[in-house]
Amino acid sequence: MIDIDAELRAYIEAANDAPVEWGVSDCSSWSAGWVAKVTGEPVPMPPWHSADEAYALIAEAGSLDALWRDALATRGLRETGDPDVGDVGIIDTGRFGQVGGIFLAGEYFAWRAEKGTRFLVPRRIVRSWSIR
């Protein structure tokens, strides 16, 4: 079993100064990478290489939530109404719409921004999945 706190801290620090690369380190692929790191299993997200491709996949699925729900269901991750440190999910930011990210201690949430990582306490959690 990995030390979730130490691994999560290192995972976030590695992204802090890096620009987003669509399909590699945007909010969904970064979160999927975290799931793969913790579980040892890749998340079968459809591929995208640009913001336009990502938004087209989200529109085709019906929402970011639906896109994630389909992919995470294949990995057996269970939904949780009370996310713990390291769990992943979708929140509604209001300003940026739905974004995917990782839940932190103190009810904080981290997601990838154009450069680096953003942190906030979500007003509305759309859905969350336990990584344990």
C-alpha atoms as a PDB file:
ATOM      1  CA  MET A   1       0.000   0.000   0.000  1.00  0.00           C
ATOM      2  CA  ILE A   2       1.321   3.428  -0.897  1.00  0.00           C
ATOM      3  CA  ASP A   3       1.488   6.433   1.415  1.00  0.00           C
ATOM      4  CA  ILE A   4      -1.376   8.417  -0.147  1.00  0.00           C
ATOM      5  CA  ASP A   5      -0.433  11.726   1.495  1.00  0.00           C
ATOM      6  CA  ALA A   6       3.228  11.624   0.392  1.00  0.00           C
ATOM      7  CA  GLU A   7       2.448  10.352  -3.109  1.00  0.00           C
ATOM      8  CA  LEU A   8      -0.313  12.929  -3.591  1.00  0.00           C
ATOM      9  CA  ARG A   9       1.927  15.759  -2.428  1.00  0.00           C
ATOM     10  CA  ALA A  10       4.633  14.661  -4.902  1.00  0.00           C
ATOM     11  CA  TYR A  11       2.062  14.237  -7.700  1.00  0.00           C
ATOM     12  CA  ILE A  12       0.730  17.771  -7.195  1.00  0.00           C
ATOM     13  CA  GLU A  13       4.206  19.305  -6.855  1.00  0.00           C
ATOM     14  CA  ALA A  14       5.256  17.715 -10.161  1.00  0.00           C
ATOM     15  CA  ALA A  15       2.391  19.550 -11.888  1.00  0.00           C
ATOM     16  CA  ASN A  16       2.771  22.913 -10.148  1.00  0.00           C
ATOM     17  CA  ASP A  17       4.995  24.632 -12.699  1.00  0.00           C
ATOM     18  CA  ALA A  18       4.137  22.565 -15.767  1.00  0.00           C
ATOM     19  CA  PRO A  19       1.838  23.857 -18.498  1.00  0.00           C
ATOM     20  CA  VAL A  20      -1.203  21.765 -19.352  1.00  0.00           C
ATOM     21  CA  GLU A  21      -0.871  19.372 -22.254  1.00  0.00           C
ATOM     22  CA  TRP A  22      -4.293  18.319 -23.532  1.00  0.00           C
ATOM     23  CA  GLY A  23      -4.798  14.571 -23.304  1.00  0.00           C
ATOM     24  CA  VAL A  24      -1.773  14.206 -21.032  1.00  0.00           C
ATOM     25  CA  SER A  25      -2.086  16.590 -18.093  1.00  0.00           C
ATOM     26  CA  ASP A  26      -5.398  18.487 -18.367  1.00  0.00           C
ATOM     27  CA  CYS A  27      -7.897  18.138 -15.510  1.00  0.00           C
ATOM     28  CA  SER A  28      -9.248  14.759 -16.662  1.00  0.00           C
ATOM     29  CA  SER A  29      -6.051  13.083 -17.818  1.00  0.00           C
ATOM     30  CA  TRP A  30      -4.139  14.341 -14.753  1.00  0.00           C
ATOM     31  CA  SER A  31      -6.796  12.881 -12.452  1.00  0.00           C
ATOM     32  CA  ALA A  32      -6.887   9.638 -14.459  1.00  0.00           C
ATOM     33  CA  GLY A  33      -3.101   9.472 -14.113  1.00  0.00           C
ATOM     34  CA  TRP A  34      -3.493   9.723 -10.346  1.00  0.00           C
ATOM     35  CA  VAL A  35      -5.996   6.851 -10.346  1.00  0.00           C
ATOM     36  CA  ALA A  36      -3.574   4.759 -12.426  1.00  0.00           C
ATOM     37  CA  LYS A  37      -0.700   5.584 -10.069  1.00  0.00           C
ATOM     38  CA  VAL A  38      -2.672   4.510  -7.002  1.00  0.00           C
ATOM     39  CA  THR A  39      -4.481   1.477  -8.417  1.00  0.00           C
ATOM     40  CA  GLY A  40      -1.879   0.298 -10.909  1.00  0.00           C
ATOM     41  CA  GLU A  41      -4.555   0.220 -13.621  1.00  0.00           C
ATOM     42  CA  PRO A  42      -4.933   2.810 -16.388  1.00  0.00           C
ATOM     43  CA  VAL A  43      -8.292   4.522 -16.748  1.00  0.00           C
ATOM     44  CA  PRO A  44      -9.711   3.859 -20.238  1.00  0.00           C
ATOM     45  CA  MET A  45     -10.496   7.425 -21.204  1.00  0.00           C
ATOM     46  CA  PRO A  46     -10.992   8.120 -24.906  1.00  0.00           C
ATOM     47  CA  PRO A  47      -7.982   9.932 -26.404  1.00  0.00           C
ATOM     48  CA  TRP A  48      -7.884  13.673 -27.114  1.00  0.00           C
ATOM     49  CA  HIS A  49      -5.070  16.005 -28.138  1.00  0.00           C
ATOM     50  CA  SER A  50      -6.608  19.471 -27.911  1.00  0.00           C
ATOM     51  CA  ALA A  51      -9.175  21.463 -25.988  1.00  0.00           C
ATOM     52  CA  ASP A  52     -11.560  21.232 -28.943  1.00  0.00           C
ATOM     53  CA  GLU A  53     -11.274  17.429 -29.024  1.00  0.00           C
ATOM     54  CA  ALA A  54     -11.789  17.229 -25.253  1.00  0.00           C
ATOM     55  CA  TYR A  55     -14.890  19.428 -25.379  1.00  0.00           C
ATOM     56  CA  ALA A  56     -16.263  17.396 -28.306  1.00  0.00           C
ATOM     57  CA  LEU A  57     -15.878  14.170 -26.267  1.00  0.00           C
ATOM     58  CA  ILE A  58     -17.593  15.807 -23.294  1.00  0.00           C
ATOM     59  CA  ALA A  59     -20.469  16.988 -25.514  1.00  0.00           C
ATOM     60  CA  GLU A  60     -20.781  13.520 -27.073  1.00  0.00           C
ATOM     61  CA  ALA A  61     -20.924  11.903 -23.607  1.00  0.00           C
ATOM     62  CA  GLY A  62     -23.440  14.503 -22.385  1.00  0.00           C
ATOM     63  CA  SER A  63     -21.214  15.979 -19.659  1.00  0.00           C
ATOM     64  CA  LEU A  64     -17.783  15.666 -18.090  1.00  0.00           C
ATOM     65  CA  ASP A  65     -19.460  13.674 -15.336  1.00  0.00           C
ATOM     66  CA  ALA A  66     -20.856  11.155 -17.853  1.00  0.00           C
ATOM     67  CA  LEU A  67     -17.471  10.810 -19.568  1.00  0.00           C
ATOM     68  CA  TRP A  68     -15.776  10.039 -16.252  1.00  0.00           C
ATOM     69  CA  ARG A  69     -18.597   7.810 -14.994  1.00  0.00           C
ATOM     70  CA  ASP A  70     -18.293   5.544 -18.029  1.00  0.00           C
ATOM     71  CA  ALA A  71     -14.498   5.313 -17.783  1.00  0.00           C
ATOM     72  CA  LEU A  72     -14.281   4.795 -14.018  1.00  0.00           C
ATOM     73  CA  ALA A  73     -17.051   2.180 -13.984  1.00  0.00           C
ATOM     74  CA  THR A  74     -14.786  -0.109 -16.003  1.00  0.00           C
ATOM     75  CA  ARG A  75     -12.187   0.107 -13.199  1.00  0.00           C
ATOM     76  CA  GLY A  76     -14.652  -0.772 -10.456  1.00  0.00           C
ATOM     77  CA  LEU A  77     -14.189   2.484  -8.561  1.00  0.00           C
ATOM     78  CA  ARG A  78     -17.180   3.084  -6.363  1.00  0.00           C
ATOM     79  CA  GLU A  79     -18.914   6.399  -6.045  1.00  0.00           C
ATOM     80  CA  THR A  80     -18.696   8.080  -2.671  1.00  0.00           C
ATOM     81  CA  GLY A  81     -20.755  10.915  -1.256  1.00  0.00           C
ATOM     82  CA  ASP A  82     -18.014  11.783   1.222  1.00  0.00           C
ATOM     83  CA  PRO A  83     -14.675  11.966  -0.613  1.00  0.00           C
ATOM     84  CA  ASP A  84     -11.484  11.224   1.269  1.00  0.00           C
ATOM     85  CA  VAL A  85      -7.956  12.487   0.617  1.00  0.00           C
ATOM     86  CA  GLY A  86      -6.818  11.238  -2.770  1.00  0.00           C
ATOM     87  CA  ASP A  87     -10.262  10.420  -4.124  1.00  0.00           C
ATOM     88  CA  VAL A  88     -11.122  11.846  -7.541  1.00  0.00           C
ATOM     89  CA  GLY A  89     -14.195  13.625  -8.763  1.00  0.00           C
ATOM     90  CA  ILE A  90     -15.991  16.309 -10.685  1.00  0.00           C
ATOM     91  CA  ILE A  91     -16.928  19.643  -9.173  1.00  0.00           C
ATOM     92  CA  ASP A  92     -18.881  22.582 -10.547  1.00  0.00           C
ATOM     93  CA  THR A  93     -16.721  25.686 -10.311  1.00  0.00           C
ATOM     94  CA  GLY A  94     -19.297  28.143 -11.611  1.00  0.00           C
ATOM     95  CA  ARG A  95     -16.653  30.213 -13.407  1.00  0.00           C
ATOM     96  CA  PHE A  96     -14.995  27.318 -15.285  1.00  0.00           C
ATOM     97  CA  GLY A  97     -17.914  24.872 -15.330  1.00  0.00           C
ATOM     98  CA  GLN A  98     -17.302  21.247 -14.408  1.00  0.00           C
ATOM     99  CA  VAL A  99     -13.694  20.262 -13.771  1.00  0.00           C
ATOM    100  CA  GLY A 100     -12.105  17.014 -12.692  1.00  0.00           C
ATOM    101  CA  GLY A 101      -9.555  16.737  -9.945  1.00  0.00           C
ATOM    102  CA  ILE A 102      -8.384  15.223  -6.711  1.00  0.00           C
ATOM    103  CA  PHE A 103      -9.758  15.755  -3.224  1.00  0.00           C
ATOM    104  CA  LEU A 104      -7.353  16.954  -0.534  1.00  0.00           C
ATOM    105  CA  ALA A 105      -7.407  17.315   3.235  1.00  0.00           C
ATOM    106  CA  GLY A 106      -9.572  20.050   4.735  1.00  0.00           C
ATOM    107  CA  GLU A 107     -12.244  19.629   2.043  1.00  0.00           C
ATOM    108  CA  TYR A 108      -9.918  21.148  -0.563  1.00  0.00           C
ATOM    109  CA  PHE A 109      -9.856  20.079  -4.193  1.00  0.00           C
ATOM    110  CA  ALA A 110      -6.982  20.298  -6.697  1.00  0.00           C
ATOM    111  CA  TRP A 111      -7.311  20.519 -10.461  1.00  0.00           C
ATOM    112  CA  ARG A 112      -5.029  21.385 -13.359  1.00  0.00           C
ATOM    113  CA  ALA A 113      -5.148  24.915 -14.674  1.00  0.00           C
ATOM    114  CA  GLU A 114      -3.511  26.191 -17.851  1.00  0.00           C
ATOM    115  CA  LYS A 115      -0.268  26.298 -15.883  1.00  0.00           C
ATOM    116  CA  GLY A 116       0.078  24.602 -12.550  1.00  0.00           C
ATOM    117  CA  THR A 117      -2.563  23.456 -10.151  1.00  0.00           C
ATOM    118  CA  ARG A 118      -5.502  25.302  -8.577  1.00  0.00           C
ATOM    119  CA  PHE A 119      -6.953  24.666  -5.138  1.00  0.00           C
ATOM    120  CA  LEU A 120     -10.357  25.496  -3.696  1.00  0.00           C
ATOM    121  CA  VAL A 121     -13.081  24.251  -1.404  1.00  0.00           C
ATOM    122  CA  PRO A 122     -15.824  23.165  -3.805  1.00  0.00           C
ATOM    123  CA  ARG A 123     -19.299  24.631  -3.427  1.00  0.00           C
ATOM    124  CA  ARG A 124     -20.828  21.711  -5.295  1.00  0.00           C
ATOM    125  CA  ILE A 125     -19.407  18.237  -5.779  1.00  0.00           C
ATOM    126  CA  VAL A 126     -21.012  16.728  -8.872  1.00  0.00           C
ATOM    127  CA  ARG A 127     -19.660  13.224  -8.233  1.00  0.00           C
ATOM    128  CA  SER A 128     -16.731  11.572  -6.488  1.00  0.00           C
ATOM    129  CA  TRP A 129     -15.092   8.155  -6.613  1.00  0.00           C
ATOM    130  CA  SER A 130     -13.073   6.382  -3.956  1.00  0.00           C
ATOM    131  CA  ILE A 131      -9.607   5.219  -4.966  1.00  0.00           C
ATOM    132  CA  ARG A 132      -9.438   2.724  -2.107  1.00  0.00           C
END
